[in-house]
């Protein structure tokens, strides 16, 4: 089991269950990014840390670039990136996350949603992963291509 200290709930849970994505570098915003994710970003000349910092500050183009980077990941890099996407979603909220995702290509949307689902499944279990469309309706509609559910009045 991997030991690490993380300030974000998703990463604390990931560390608790022993996900190797916990070996990484903490951003200025306190998000732990897996080493493998950072190595994959470096390989394609993508400034992951800076882009993430800008996305957290509300820069939608940065959030879009971070989601688009999903297509550049594999194996441990993908899981580490999925954890970051989940944390970003928690910080910026469903509507802003979905807004940033609208300009992605269909393939980028598909891959980002798969990573989002995988991260939710790994961190919170099957019931939470199945509830994502209800919990994050705008993001689900944008990334998974489903119509948004009606908001209860």
Foldseek 3Di string as FASTA:
>chain_A
DADDDADDLLVVLCVVVPQQQQCADAAPVGQGARPQLVVLCVVVVHPLRVLLVVLLVLDLLSLLVLLLCLVSDDDSSLQRSLSSNVVSCVRPHQVSSLVSLQPDDLVSLQSSLVSVLVSCCSRPNDVRSVCCCVRRVSSCCRSVVDHGDDDDD
